[in-house]
PDB file of N, CA and C in Angstrom:
ATOM      1  N   ALA A   1     125.930  77.047  55.727  1.00  0.00           N
ATOM      2  CA  ALA A   1     125.542  76.492  56.869  1.00  0.00           C
ATOM      3  C   ALA A   1     125.630  77.674  57.903  1.00  0.00           C
ATOM      4  N   LEU A   2     124.912  77.361  59.113  1.00  0.00           N
ATOM      5  CA  LEU A   2     124.797  78.370  60.148  1.00  0.00           C
ATOM      6  C   LEU A   2     126.161  78.647  60.766  1.00  0.00           C
ATOM      7  N   ARG A   3     126.864  77.805  60.884  1.00  0.00           N
ATOM      8  CA  ARG A   3     128.144  77.885  61.644  1.00  0.00           C
ATOM      9  C   ARG A   3     129.232  78.802  60.842  1.00  0.00           C
ATOM     10  N   ALA A   4     129.061  78.768  59.517  1.00  0.00           N
ATOM     11  CA  ALA A   4     129.751  79.648  58.672  1.00  0.00           C
ATOM     12  C   ALA A   4     129.415  81.101  58.604  1.00  0.00           C
ATOM     13  N   ARG A   5     128.133  81.441  59.089  1.00  0.00           N
ATOM     14  CA  ARG A   5     127.759  82.806  59.126  1.00  0.00           C
ATOM     15  C   ARG A   5     128.070  83.507  60.396  1.00  0.00           C
ATOM     16  N   LYS A   6     128.238  84.796  60.384  1.00  0.00           N
ATOM     17  CA  LYS A   6     128.560  85.633  61.423  1.00  0.00           C
ATOM     18  C   LYS A   6     127.459  86.461  61.862  1.00  0.00           C
ATOM     19  N   VAL A   7     127.089  86.633  63.089  1.00  0.00           N
ATOM     20  CA  VAL A   7     125.998  87.374  63.527  1.00  0.00           C
ATOM     21  C   VAL A   7     126.616  88.766  63.848  1.00  0.00           C
ATOM     22  N   ALA A   8     125.945  89.814  63.366  1.00  0.00           N
ATOM     23  CA  ALA A   8     126.142  91.117  63.725  1.00  0.00           C
ATOM     24  C   ALA A   8     124.716  91.786  64.220  1.00  0.00           C
ATOM     25  N   PHE A   9     124.956  92.971  64.678  1.00  0.00           N
ATOM     26  CA  PHE A   9     123.629  93.650  65.187  1.00  0.00           C
ATOM     27  C   PHE A   9     123.563  94.950  64.492  1.00  0.00           C
ATOM     28  N   LYS A  10     122.452  95.170  63.912  1.00  0.00           N
ATOM     29  CA  LYS A  10     122.225  96.586  63.306  1.00  0.00           C
ATOM     30  C   LYS A  10     121.569  97.423  64.519  1.00  0.00           C
ATOM     31  N   PRO A  11     121.850  98.779  64.415  1.00  0.00           N
ATOM     32  CA  PRO A  11     121.447  99.591  65.609  1.00  0.00           C
ATOM     33  C   PRO A  11     119.935  99.567  65.731  1.00  0.00           C
ATOM     34  N   LEU A  12     119.524  99.842  66.944  1.00  0.00           N
ATOM     35  CA  LEU A  12     118.090  99.982  67.348  1.00  0.00           C
ATOM     36  C   LEU A  12     118.074 101.054  68.261  1.00  0.00           C
ATOM     37  N   PRO A  13     117.647 102.303  67.814  1.00  0.00           N
ATOM     38  CA  PRO A  13     117.628 103.373  68.722  1.00  0.00           C
ATOM     39  C   PRO A  13     116.521 103.564  69.556  1.00  0.00           C
ATOM     40  N   LEU A  14     116.536 102.597  70.763  1.00  0.00           N
ATOM     41  CA  LEU A  14     115.513 102.647  71.620  1.00  0.00           C
ATOM     42  C   LEU A  14     115.947 102.805  73.035  1.00  0.00           C
ATOM     43  N   LYS A  15     115.062 103.342  73.930  1.00  0.00           N
ATOM     44  CA  LYS A  15     115.255 103.213  75.352  1.00  0.00           C
ATOM     45  C   LYS A  15     114.634 102.126  75.742  1.00  0.00           C
ATOM     46  N   VAL A  16     115.384 101.222  76.483  1.00  0.00           N
ATOM     47  CA  VAL A  16     114.898  99.929  77.032  1.00  0.00           C
ATOM     48  C   VAL A  16     115.000  99.809  78.508  1.00  0.00           C
ATOM     49  N   ALA A  17     113.840  99.657  79.201  1.00  0.00           N
ATOM     50  CA  ALA A  17     113.797  99.329  80.590  1.00  0.00           C
ATOM     51  C   ALA A  17     114.061  98.016  80.790  1.00  0.00           C
ATOM     52  N   LEU A  18     114.973  97.394  81.659  1.00  0.00           N
ATOM     53  CA  LEU A  18     115.285  96.097  81.560  1.00  0.00           C
ATOM     54  C   LEU A  18     115.141  95.671  83.104  1.00  0.00           C
ATOM     55  N   HIS A  19     114.164  94.577  83.150  1.00  0.00           N
ATOM     56  CA  HIS A  19     113.727  94.070  84.289  1.00  0.00           C
ATOM     57  C   HIS A  19     114.521  92.615  84.314  1.00  0.00           C
ATOM     58  N   THR A  20     115.338  92.456  85.494  1.00  0.00           N
ATOM     59  CA  THR A  20     116.057  91.077  85.791  1.00  0.00           C
ATOM     60  C   THR A  20     115.293  90.423  86.722  1.00  0.00           C
ATOM     61  N   PRO A  21     114.575  89.338  86.309  1.00  0.00           N
ATOM     62  CA  PRO A  21     113.899  88.604  87.163  1.00  0.00           C
ATOM     63  C   PRO A  21     114.659  87.854  88.168  1.00  0.00           C
ATOM     64  N   CYS A  22     114.012  87.587  89.332  1.00  0.00           N
ATOM     65  CA  CYS A  22     114.682  86.766  90.514  1.00  0.00           C
ATOM     66  C   CYS A  22     115.311  85.407  90.075  1.00  0.00           C
ATOM     67  N   THR A  23     114.614  84.878  89.008  1.00  0.00           N
ATOM     68  CA  THR A  23     114.998  83.559  88.661  1.00  0.00           C
ATOM     69  C   THR A  23     116.480  83.551  87.982  1.00  0.00           C
ATOM     70  N   LEU A  24     116.833  84.738  87.273  1.00  0.00           N
ATOM     71  CA  LEU A  24     118.181  84.911  86.759  1.00  0.00           C
ATOM     72  C   LEU A  24     119.179  85.233  87.937  1.00  0.00           C
ATOM     73  N   ARG A  25     118.620  86.036  88.866  1.00  0.00           N
ATOM     74  CA  ARG A  25     119.663  86.383  89.930  1.00  0.00           C
ATOM     75  C   ARG A  25     119.917  85.243  90.904  1.00  0.00           C
ATOM     76  N   GLN A  26     118.817  84.710  91.332  1.00  0.00           N
ATOM     77  CA  GLN A  26     119.079  83.691  92.440  1.00  0.00           C
ATOM     78  C   GLN A  26     119.102  82.190  91.943  1.00  0.00           C
ATOM     79  N   GLY A  27     118.140  81.812  91.024  1.00  0.00           N
ATOM     80  CA  GLY A  27     118.045  80.540  90.694  1.00  0.00           C
ATOM     81  C   GLY A  27     119.191  80.064  89.669  1.00  0.00           C
ATOM     82  N   GLU A  28     119.609  80.946  88.831  1.00  0.00           N
ATOM     83  CA  GLU A  28     120.419  80.508  87.656  1.00  0.00           C
ATOM     84  C   GLU A  28     121.859  81.115  87.722  1.00  0.00           C
ATOM     85  N   GLY A  29     121.868  82.282  88.637  1.00  0.00           N
ATOM     86  CA  GLY A  29     123.145  83.044  88.769  1.00  0.00           C
ATOM     87  C   GLY A  29     123.524  83.639  87.502  1.00  0.00           C
ATOM     88  N   GLN A  30     122.652  84.003  86.726  1.00  0.00           N
ATOM     89  CA  GLN A  30     122.947  84.684  85.346  1.00  0.00           C
ATOM     90  C   GLN A  30     122.419  86.203  85.317  1.00  0.00           C
ATOM     91  N   GLU A  31     122.653  86.884  86.425  1.00  0.00           N
ATOM     92  CA  GLU A  31     122.177  88.081  86.601  1.00  0.00           C
ATOM     93  C   GLU A  31     122.437  89.129  85.479  1.00  0.00           C
ATOM     94  N   GLU A  32     123.719  89.046  84.967  1.00  0.00           N
ATOM     95  CA  GLU A  32     124.241  89.935  83.996  1.00  0.00           C
ATOM     96  C   GLU A  32     123.990  89.343  82.545  1.00  0.00           C
ATOM     97  N   ALA A  33     123.546  88.284  82.380  1.00  0.00           N
ATOM     98  CA  ALA A  33     123.453  87.655  80.892  1.00  0.00           C
ATOM     99  C   ALA A  33     122.665  88.482  79.889  1.00  0.00           C
ATOM    100  N   VAL A  34     121.458  88.822  80.400  1.00  0.00           N
ATOM    101  CA  VAL A  34     120.604  89.542  79.381  1.00  0.00           C
ATOM    102  C   VAL A  34     121.218  90.892  79.036  1.00  0.00           C
ATOM    103  N   LEU A  35     121.817  91.606  80.168  1.00  0.00           N
ATOM    104  CA  LEU A  35     122.386  92.961  79.913  1.00  0.00           C
ATOM    105  C   LEU A  35     123.429  92.871  78.996  1.00  0.00           C
ATOM    106  N   GLU A  36     124.286  91.877  79.217  1.00  0.00           N
ATOM    107  CA  GLU A  36     125.541  91.680  78.355  1.00  0.00           C
ATOM    108  C   GLU A  36     125.080  91.363  76.914  1.00  0.00           C
ATOM    109  N   LEU A  37     124.112  90.696  76.653  1.00  0.00           N
ATOM    110  CA  LEU A  37     123.583  90.415  75.326  1.00  0.00           C
ATOM    111  C   LEU A  37     123.106  91.642  74.733  1.00  0.00           C
ATOM    112  N   LEU A  38     122.174  92.387  75.517  1.00  0.00           N
ATOM    113  CA  LEU A  38     121.670  93.674  74.861  1.00  0.00           C
ATOM    114  C   LEU A  38     122.663  94.737  74.692  1.00  0.00           C
ATOM    115  N   GLN A  39     123.783  94.695  75.400  1.00  0.00           N
ATOM    116  CA  GLN A  39     124.802  95.737  75.204  1.00  0.00           C
ATOM    117  C   GLN A  39     125.478  95.536  73.992  1.00  0.00           C
ATOM    118  N   GLN A  40     125.348  94.368  73.247  1.00  0.00           N
ATOM    119  CA  GLN A  40     125.901  94.181  71.892  1.00  0.00           C
ATOM    120  C   GLN A  40     125.215  95.007  70.761  1.00  0.00           C
ATOM    121  N   ILE A  41     124.011  95.367  71.071  1.00  0.00           N
ATOM    122  CA  ILE A  41     123.162  96.024  70.086  1.00  0.00           C
ATOM    123  C   ILE A  41     123.369  97.485  70.039  1.00  0.00           C
ATOM    124  N   PRO A  42     123.758  97.965  68.994  1.00  0.00           N
ATOM    125  CA  PRO A  42     124.266  99.572  68.951  1.00  0.00           C
ATOM    126  C   PRO A  42     122.859 100.161  68.977  1.00  0.00           C
ATOM    127  N   GLY A  43     123.136 101.354  69.737  1.00  0.00           N
ATOM    128  CA  GLY A  43     121.913 102.414  69.857  1.00  0.00           C
ATOM    129  C   GLY A  43     120.923 102.156  70.849  1.00  0.00           C
ATOM    130  N   LEU A  44     121.016 100.988  71.624  1.00  0.00           N
ATOM    131  CA  LEU A  44     120.258 100.773  72.611  1.00  0.00           C
ATOM    132  C   LEU A  44     120.474 101.480  73.912  1.00  0.00           C
ATOM    133  N   GLU A  45     119.706 102.401  74.417  1.00  0.00           N
ATOM    134  CA  GLU A  45     119.941 102.974  75.824  1.00  0.00           C
ATOM    135  C   GLU A  45     119.246 101.948  76.887  1.00  0.00           C
ATOM    136  N   ILE A  46     119.979 101.391  77.685  1.00  0.00           N
ATOM    137  CA  ILE A  46     119.496 100.256  78.510  1.00  0.00           C
ATOM    138  C   ILE A  46     119.451 101.051  79.946  1.00  0.00           C
ATOM    139  N   LEU A  47     118.130 100.883  80.430  1.00  0.00           N
ATOM    140  CA  LEU A  47     117.787 101.555  81.708  1.00  0.00           C
ATOM    141  C   LEU A  47     117.339 100.418  82.727  1.00  0.00           C
ATOM    142  N   PRO A  48     118.314  99.860  83.588  1.00  0.00           N
ATOM    143  CA  PRO A  48     118.007  98.772  84.405  1.00  0.00           C
ATOM    144  C   PRO A  48     116.882  99.283  85.527  1.00  0.00           C
ATOM    145  N   VAL A  49     115.947  98.533  85.770  1.00  0.00           N
ATOM    146  CA  VAL A  49     114.945  98.913  86.650  1.00  0.00           C
ATOM    147  C   VAL A  49     115.503  98.591  88.101  1.00  0.00           C
ATOM    148  N   SER A  50     115.488  99.727  88.831  1.00  0.00           N
ATOM    149  CA  SER A  50     116.297  99.651  90.124  1.00  0.00           C
ATOM    150  C   SER A  50     115.788  98.642  91.165  1.00  0.00           C
ATOM    151  N   GLY A  51     114.522  98.139  90.964  1.00  0.00           N
ATOM    152  CA  GLY A  51     114.080  97.202  91.827  1.00  0.00           C
ATOM    153  C   GLY A  51     114.656  95.792  91.612  1.00  0.00           C
ATOM    154  N   GLN A  52     115.821  95.664  91.032  1.00  0.00           N
ATOM    155  CA  GLN A  52     116.279  94.516  90.652  1.00  0.00           C
ATOM    156  C   GLN A  52     116.664  93.561  91.780  1.00  0.00           C
ATOM    157  N   THR A  53     116.847  94.134  93.067  1.00  0.00           N
ATOM    158  CA  THR A  53     117.152  93.435  94.255  1.00  0.00           C
ATOM    159  C   THR A  53     116.070  92.808  94.929  1.00  0.00           C
ATOM    160  N   ARG A  54     114.871  93.112  94.300  1.00  0.00           N
ATOM    161  CA  ARG A  54     113.621  92.456  95.001  1.00  0.00           C
ATOM    162  C   ARG A  54     112.784  92.022  93.942  1.00  0.00           C
ATOM    163  N   CYS A  55     111.825  91.297  94.482  1.00  0.00           N
ATOM    164  CA  CYS A  55     110.758  90.595  93.521  1.00  0.00           C
ATOM    165  C   CYS A  55     109.699  91.672  93.068  1.00  0.00           C
ATOM    166  N   CYS A  56     109.397  91.450  91.709  1.00  0.00           N
ATOM    167  CA  CYS A  56     108.340  92.282  91.059  1.00  0.00           C
ATOM    168  C   CYS A  56     106.972  91.989  91.556  1.00  0.00           C
ATOM    169  N   GLY A  57     106.810  90.977  92.346  1.00  0.00           N
ATOM    170  CA  GLY A  57     105.527  90.602  92.962  1.00  0.00           C
ATOM    171  C   GLY A  57     105.035  89.320  92.391  1.00  0.00           C
ATOM    172  N   ALA A  58     105.469  88.924  91.234  1.00  0.00           N
ATOM    173  CA  ALA A  58     105.007  87.639  90.551  1.00  0.00           C
ATOM    174  C   ALA A  58     105.370  86.464  91.498  1.00  0.00           C
ATOM    175  N   GLY A  59     106.483  86.358  91.787  1.00  0.00           N
ATOM    176  CA  GLY A  59     107.155  85.375  92.761  1.00  0.00           C
ATOM    177  C   GLY A  59     106.373  83.941  92.696  1.00  0.00           C
ATOM    178  N   GLY A  60     106.524  83.043  91.745  1.00  0.00           N
ATOM    179  CA  GLY A  60     105.934  81.951  91.694  1.00  0.00           C
ATOM    180  C   GLY A  60     104.368  82.112  91.727  1.00  0.00           C
ATOM    181  N   SER A  61     103.715  81.656  92.762  1.00  0.00           N
ATOM    182  CA  SER A  61     102.168  81.819  92.749  1.00  0.00           C
ATOM    183  C   SER A  61     101.840  83.051  93.537  1.00  0.00           C
ATOM    184  N   GLN A  62     102.938  83.773  94.072  1.00  0.00           N
ATOM    185  CA  GLN A  62     102.603  84.964  94.926  1.00  0.00           C
ATOM    186  C   GLN A  62     101.591  85.864  94.433  1.00  0.00           C
ATOM    187  N   MET A  63     101.601  86.142  93.011  1.00  0.00           N
ATOM    188  CA  MET A  63     100.616  86.989  92.511  1.00  0.00           C
ATOM    189  C   MET A  63      99.236  86.495  92.644  1.00  0.00           C
ATOM    190  N   LEU A  64      99.106  85.165  92.820  1.00  0.00           N
ATOM    191  CA  LEU A  64      97.844  84.573  92.918  1.00  0.00           C
ATOM    192  C   LEU A  64      97.425  84.468  94.486  1.00  0.00           C
ATOM    193  N   SER A  65      98.283  84.029  95.205  1.00  0.00           N
ATOM    194  CA  SER A  65      98.071  83.663  96.561  1.00  0.00           C
ATOM    195  C   SER A  65      98.070  84.852  97.487  1.00  0.00           C
ATOM    196  N   GLN A  66      98.798  86.029  97.139  1.00  0.00           N
ATOM    197  CA  GLN A  66      99.008  87.123  97.950  1.00  0.00           C
ATOM    198  C   GLN A  66      98.937  88.403  97.003  1.00  0.00           C
ATOM    199  N   PRO A  67      97.710  88.593  96.337  1.00  0.00           N
ATOM    200  CA  PRO A  67      97.749  89.636  95.387  1.00  0.00           C
ATOM    201  C   PRO A  67      97.756  91.058  95.885  1.00  0.00           C
ATOM    202  N   GLU A  68      97.299  91.364  97.012  1.00  0.00           N
ATOM    203  CA  GLU A  68      97.662  92.867  97.409  1.00  0.00           C
ATOM    204  C   GLU A  68      99.068  93.047  97.594  1.00  0.00           C
ATOM    205  N   MET A  69      99.779  92.179  98.206  1.00  0.00           N
ATOM    206  CA  MET A  69     101.323  92.434  98.470  1.00  0.00           C
ATOM    207  C   MET A  69     102.014  92.323  96.941  1.00  0.00           C
ATOM    208  N   ALA A  70     101.621  91.373  96.163  1.00  0.00           N
ATOM    209  CA  ALA A  70     102.137  91.189  94.947  1.00  0.00           C
ATOM    210  C   ALA A  70     102.016  92.697  94.143  1.00  0.00           C
ATOM    211  N   ASP A  71     100.740  93.202  94.183  1.00  0.00           N
ATOM    212  CA  ASP A  71     100.468  94.397  93.408  1.00  0.00           C
ATOM    213  C   ASP A  71     101.244  95.486  93.943  1.00  0.00           C
ATOM    214  N   ALA A  72     101.402  95.485  95.284  1.00  0.00           N
ATOM    215  CA  ALA A  72     102.273  96.730  95.842  1.00  0.00           C
ATOM    216  C   ALA A  72     103.610  96.669  95.310  1.00  0.00           C
ATOM    217  N   LEU A  73     104.313  95.640  95.152  1.00  0.00           N
ATOM    218  CA  LEU A  73     105.633  95.390  94.885  1.00  0.00           C
ATOM    219  C   LEU A  73     105.709  95.763  93.291  1.00  0.00           C
ATOM    220  N   ARG A  74     104.739  95.355  92.601  1.00  0.00           N
ATOM    221  CA  ARG A  74     104.720  95.686  91.139  1.00  0.00           C
ATOM    222  C   ARG A  74     104.487  97.001  90.931  1.00  0.00           C
ATOM    223  N   ASP A  75     103.501  97.617  91.665  1.00  0.00           N
ATOM    224  CA  ASP A  75     103.196  99.172  91.384  1.00  0.00           C
ATOM    225  C   ASP A  75     104.531  99.983  91.587  1.00  0.00           C
ATOM    226  N   ASP A  76     105.317  99.574  92.508  1.00  0.00           N
ATOM    227  CA  ASP A  76     106.634 100.496  92.729  1.00  0.00           C
ATOM    228  C   ASP A  76     107.388 100.364  91.484  1.00  0.00           C
ATOM    229  N   MET A  77     107.621  99.282  90.831  1.00  0.00           N
ATOM    230  CA  MET A  77     108.261  99.167  89.725  1.00  0.00           C
ATOM    231  C   MET A  77     107.605  99.673  88.399  1.00  0.00           C
ATOM    232  N   VAL A  78     106.136  99.667  88.324  1.00  0.00           N
ATOM    233  CA  VAL A  78     105.542 100.308  87.272  1.00  0.00           C
ATOM    234  C   VAL A  78     105.701 101.841  87.380  1.00  0.00           C
ATOM    235  N   ASP A  79     105.646 102.370  88.501  1.00  0.00           N
ATOM    236  CA  ASP A  79     106.037 103.895  88.711  1.00  0.00           C
ATOM    237  C   ASP A  79     107.349 104.000  88.187  1.00  0.00           C
ATOM    238  N   GLU A  80     108.412 103.419  88.333  1.00  0.00           N
ATOM    239  CA  GLU A  80     109.764 103.566  87.930  1.00  0.00           C
ATOM    240  C   GLU A  80     109.825 103.472  86.476  1.00  0.00           C
ATOM    241  N   ILE A  81     109.094 102.365  85.938  1.00  0.00           N
ATOM    242  CA  ILE A  81     109.211 102.176  84.460  1.00  0.00           C
ATOM    243  C   ILE A  81     108.574 103.369  83.712  1.00  0.00           C
ATOM    244  N   ARG A  82     107.425 103.909  84.412  1.00  0.00           N
ATOM    245  CA  ARG A  82     106.848 105.126  83.744  1.00  0.00           C
ATOM    246  C   ARG A  82     107.900 106.366  83.769  1.00  0.00           C
ATOM    247  N   ALA A  83     108.642 106.515  84.830  1.00  0.00           N
ATOM    248  CA  ALA A  83     109.600 107.561  84.862  1.00  0.00           C
ATOM    249  C   ALA A  83     110.756 107.472  83.977  1.00  0.00           C
ATOM    250  N   THR A  84     111.078 106.210  83.579  1.00  0.00           N
ATOM    251  CA  THR A  84     112.245 106.075  82.478  1.00  0.00           C
ATOM    252  C   THR A  84     111.965 106.579  81.189  1.00  0.00           C
ATOM    253  N   GLY A  85     110.683 106.803  80.787  1.00  0.00           N
ATOM    254  CA  GLY A  85     110.363 107.016  79.509  1.00  0.00           C
ATOM    255  C   GLY A  85     110.700 106.020  78.521  1.00  0.00           C
ATOM    256  N   ALA A  86     110.903 104.853  78.985  1.00  0.00           N
ATOM    257  CA  ALA A  86     111.372 103.794  77.876  1.00  0.00           C
ATOM    258  C   ALA A  86     110.391 103.373  76.841  1.00  0.00           C
ATOM    259  N   ASP A  87     110.879 103.090  75.685  1.00  0.00           N
ATOM    260  CA  ASP A  87     110.129 102.790  74.618  1.00  0.00           C
ATOM    261  C   ASP A  87     109.615 101.246  74.668  1.00  0.00           C
ATOM    262  N   VAL A  88     110.337 100.483  75.487  1.00  0.00           N
ATOM    263  CA  VAL A  88     109.994  99.052  75.521  1.00  0.00           C
ATOM    264  C   VAL A  88     110.555  98.563  76.808  1.00  0.00           C
ATOM    265  N   LEU A  89     109.836  97.647  77.484  1.00  0.00           N
ATOM    266  CA  LEU A  89     110.250  96.920  78.698  1.00  0.00           C
ATOM    267  C   LEU A  89     110.575  95.484  78.370  1.00  0.00           C
ATOM    268  N   ILE A  90     111.801  95.022  78.911  1.00  0.00           N
ATOM    269  CA  ILE A  90     112.345  93.762  78.575  1.00  0.00           C
ATOM    270  C   ILE A  90     112.288  92.942  79.920  1.00  0.00           C
ATOM    271  N   SER A  91     111.695  91.756  79.793  1.00  0.00           N
ATOM    272  CA  SER A  91     111.650  90.841  80.888  1.00  0.00           C
ATOM    273  C   SER A  91     111.973  89.347  80.315  1.00  0.00           C
ATOM    274  N   SER A  92     112.783  88.577  80.912  1.00  0.00           N
ATOM    275  CA  SER A  92     112.917  87.181  80.330  1.00  0.00           C
ATOM    276  C   SER A  92     112.146  86.083  81.114  1.00  0.00           C
ATOM    277  N   ASN A  93     111.250  86.594  82.022  1.00  0.00           N
ATOM    278  CA  ASN A  93     110.433  85.526  82.893  1.00  0.00           C
ATOM    279  C   ASN A  93     108.951  85.714  82.552  1.00  0.00           C
ATOM    280  N   LEU A  94     108.283  84.751  82.034  1.00  0.00           N
ATOM    281  CA  LEU A  94     106.928  84.932  81.724  1.00  0.00           C
ATOM    282  C   LEU A  94     105.834  85.287  82.735  1.00  0.00           C
ATOM    283  N   GLY A  95     106.091  84.737  83.851  1.00  0.00           N
ATOM    284  CA  GLY A  95     105.381  85.270  85.056  1.00  0.00           C
ATOM    285  C   GLY A  95     105.452  86.769  85.432  1.00  0.00           C
ATOM    286  N   CYS A  96     106.770  87.017  85.456  1.00  0.00           N
ATOM    287  CA  CYS A  96     107.096  88.484  85.715  1.00  0.00           C
ATOM    288  C   CYS A  96     106.383  89.404  84.626  1.00  0.00           C
ATOM    289  N   ALA A  97     106.544  88.907  83.446  1.00  0.00           N
ATOM    290  CA  ALA A  97     106.026  89.745  82.218  1.00  0.00           C
ATOM    291  C   ALA A  97     104.540  89.933  82.370  1.00  0.00           C
ATOM    292  N   LEU A  98     103.800  88.788  82.578  1.00  0.00           N
ATOM    293  CA  LEU A  98     102.345  88.850  82.814  1.00  0.00           C
ATOM    294  C   LEU A  98     101.895  89.872  83.876  1.00  0.00           C
ATOM    295  N   HIS A  99     102.611  89.824  85.025  1.00  0.00           N
ATOM    296  CA  HIS A  99     102.365  90.530  86.059  1.00  0.00           C
ATOM    297  C   HIS A  99     102.571  92.105  85.778  1.00  0.00           C
ATOM    298  N   LEU A 100     103.746  92.356  85.194  1.00  0.00           N
ATOM    299  CA  LEU A 100     104.112  93.620  84.963  1.00  0.00           C
ATOM    300  C   LEU A 100     103.279  94.096  83.806  1.00  0.00           C
ATOM    301  N   ARG A 101     102.932  93.386  82.900  1.00  0.00           N
ATOM    302  CA  ARG A 101     101.986  94.005  81.670  1.00  0.00           C
ATOM    303  C   ARG A 101     100.661  94.263  82.296  1.00  0.00           C
ATOM    304  N   ALA A 102     100.115  93.590  83.409  1.00  0.00           N
ATOM    305  CA  ALA A 102      98.864  93.863  83.807  1.00  0.00           C
ATOM    306  C   ALA A 102      98.916  95.242  84.680  1.00  0.00           C
ATOM    307  N   GLY A 103     100.010  95.426  85.352  1.00  0.00           N
ATOM    308  CA  GLY A 103     100.233  96.664  86.136  1.00  0.00           C
ATOM    309  C   GLY A 103     100.429  97.862  85.208  1.00  0.00           C
ATOM    310  N   LEU A 104     101.064  97.691  84.036  1.00  0.00           N
ATOM    311  CA  LEU A 104     101.296  98.685  83.142  1.00  0.00           C
ATOM    312  C   LEU A 104     100.036  99.102  82.619  1.00  0.00           C
ATOM    313  N   ALA A 105      99.147  98.085  82.149  1.00  0.00           N
ATOM    314  CA  ALA A 105      97.847  98.382  81.671  1.00  0.00           C
ATOM    315  C   ALA A 105      96.843  99.053  82.564  1.00  0.00           C
ATOM    316  N   GLN A 106      96.969  98.581  83.809  1.00  0.00           N
ATOM    317  CA  GLN A 106      96.198  99.197  84.965  1.00  0.00           C
ATOM    318  C   GLN A 106      96.483 100.693  85.160  1.00  0.00           C
ATOM    319  N   ALA A 107      97.824 100.950  84.958  1.00  0.00           N
ATOM    320  CA  ALA A 107      98.289 102.369  85.296  1.00  0.00           C
ATOM    321  C   ALA A 107      98.064 103.186  83.912  1.00  0.00           C
ATOM    322  N   GLY A 108      97.630 102.588  82.847  1.00  0.00           N
ATOM    323  CA  GLY A 108      97.345 103.327  81.635  1.00  0.00           C
ATOM    324  C   GLY A 108      98.673 103.654  80.894  1.00  0.00           C
ATOM    325  N   ILE A 109      99.818 102.813  81.110  1.00  0.00           N
ATOM    326  CA  ILE A 109     101.119 103.092  80.360  1.00  0.00           C
ATOM    327  C   ILE A 109     101.143 102.060  79.371  1.00  0.00           C
ATOM    328  N   ASP A 110     101.501 102.840  78.104  1.00  0.00           N
ATOM    329  CA  ASP A 110     101.392 102.012  76.889  1.00  0.00           C
ATOM    330  C   ASP A 110     102.885 101.867  76.477  1.00  0.00           C
ATOM    331  N   VAL A 111     103.477 100.998  77.187  1.00  0.00           N
ATOM    332  CA  VAL A 111     104.972 100.518  76.868  1.00  0.00           C
ATOM    333  C   VAL A 111     104.840  99.095  76.597  1.00  0.00           C
ATOM    334  N   PRO A 112     105.268  98.547  75.325  1.00  0.00           N
ATOM    335  CA  PRO A 112     105.285  97.177  75.078  1.00  0.00           C
ATOM    336  C   PRO A 112     106.255  96.546  75.882  1.00  0.00           C
ATOM    337  N   LEU A 113     105.986  95.229  76.110  1.00  0.00           N
ATOM    338  CA  LEU A 113     106.776  94.353  76.968  1.00  0.00           C
ATOM    339  C   LEU A 113     107.231  93.204  76.131  1.00  0.00           C
ATOM    340  N   GLN A 114     108.615  92.996  76.049  1.00  0.00           N
ATOM    341  CA  GLN A 114     108.984  91.968  75.183  1.00  0.00           C
ATOM    342  C   GLN A 114     110.006  91.187  76.011  1.00  0.00           C
ATOM    343  N   HIS A 115     110.220  89.799  75.496  1.00  0.00           N
ATOM    344  CA  HIS A 115     111.291  88.970  75.822  1.00  0.00           C
ATOM    345  C   HIS A 115     112.550  89.458  75.106  1.00  0.00           C
ATOM    346  N   PRO A 116     113.659  89.266  75.809  1.00  0.00           N
ATOM    347  CA  PRO A 116     114.865  89.836  75.215  1.00  0.00           C
ATOM    348  C   PRO A 116     115.151  89.178  73.841  1.00  0.00           C
ATOM    349  N   VAL A 117     114.675  87.896  73.593  1.00  0.00           N
ATOM    350  CA  VAL A 117     114.899  87.335  72.275  1.00  0.00           C
ATOM    351  C   VAL A 117     114.110  88.062  71.294  1.00  0.00           C
ATOM    352  N   GLN A 118     113.037  88.604  71.501  1.00  0.00           N
ATOM    353  CA  GLN A 118     112.272  89.382  70.541  1.00  0.00           C
ATOM    354  C   GLN A 118     113.050  90.673  70.157  1.00  0.00           C
ATOM    355  N   LEU A 119     113.716  91.314  71.017  1.00  0.00           N
ATOM    356  CA  LEU A 119     114.387  92.520  70.772  1.00  0.00           C
ATOM    357  C   LEU A 119     115.724  92.087  70.086  1.00  0.00           C
ATOM    358  N   VAL A 120     116.375  91.005  70.414  1.00  0.00           N
ATOM    359  CA  VAL A 120     117.561  90.638  69.587  1.00  0.00           C
ATOM    360  C   VAL A 120     117.086  90.298  68.231  1.00  0.00           C
ATOM    361  N   SER A 121     116.013  89.694  67.899  1.00  0.00           N
ATOM    362  CA  SER A 121     115.661  89.295  66.672  1.00  0.00           C
ATOM    363  C   SER A 121     115.429  90.343  65.753  1.00  0.00           C
ATOM    364  N   GLN A 122     114.990  91.540  66.329  1.00  0.00           N
ATOM    365  CA  GLN A 122     114.822  92.853  65.560  1.00  0.00           C
ATOM    366  C   GLN A 122     116.186  93.458  65.084  1.00  0.00           C
ATOM    367  N   ALA A 123     117.298  93.157  65.810  1.00  0.00           N
ATOM    368  CA  ALA A 123     118.604  93.647  65.607  1.00  0.00           C
ATOM    369  C   ALA A 123     119.420  92.789  64.844  1.00  0.00           C
ATOM    370  N   VAL A 124     119.359  91.526  64.786  1.00  0.00           N
ATOM    371  CA  VAL A 124     120.229  90.578  64.175  1.00  0.00           C
ATOM    372  C   VAL A 124     120.353  90.771  62.779  1.00  0.00           C
ATOM    373  N   SER A 125     121.564  90.675  62.443  1.00  0.00           N
ATOM    374  CA  SER A 125     121.964  90.757  60.863  1.00  0.00           C
ATOM    375  C   SER A 125     122.969  89.775  60.572  1.00  0.00           C
ATOM    376  N   TRP A 126     122.551  88.746  59.758  1.00  0.00           N
ATOM    377  CA  TRP A 126     123.376  87.724  59.325  1.00  0.00           C
ATOM    378  C   TRP A 126     124.415  88.084  58.183  1.00  0.00           C
ATOM    379  N   LYS A 127     125.767  87.787  58.257  1.00  0.00           N
ATOM    380  CA  LYS A 127     126.615  88.037  57.329  1.00  0.00           C
ATOM    381  C   LYS A 127     127.182  86.681  56.695  1.00  0.00           C
TER     382      LYS A 127
END
């Protein structure tokens, strides 16, 4: 049974740029939840994206209704993500992920973007 099994994490030697979306900070009050989960995985170098205190530009329908402003906010984060040299970018919000992925592609930055659950599934080891 699943309850009888213990979860452990195998090491993942990756540099991870972590984007914390506004929905976790403001809407759910779970700002640290993803960080705390990822810190359980040995070998990860977690690099928080410093723009955490502001929107990435996706903001609801903002990326559609105000694309110039949305792109300007995103482009600052894209520049920072490039500077981290991260192997992967993590975001738990689909809208943010789509917006950031478009910005990375536009800037010619080949960094995969994953949901935190995808990264956790790579590291999980059942005992």
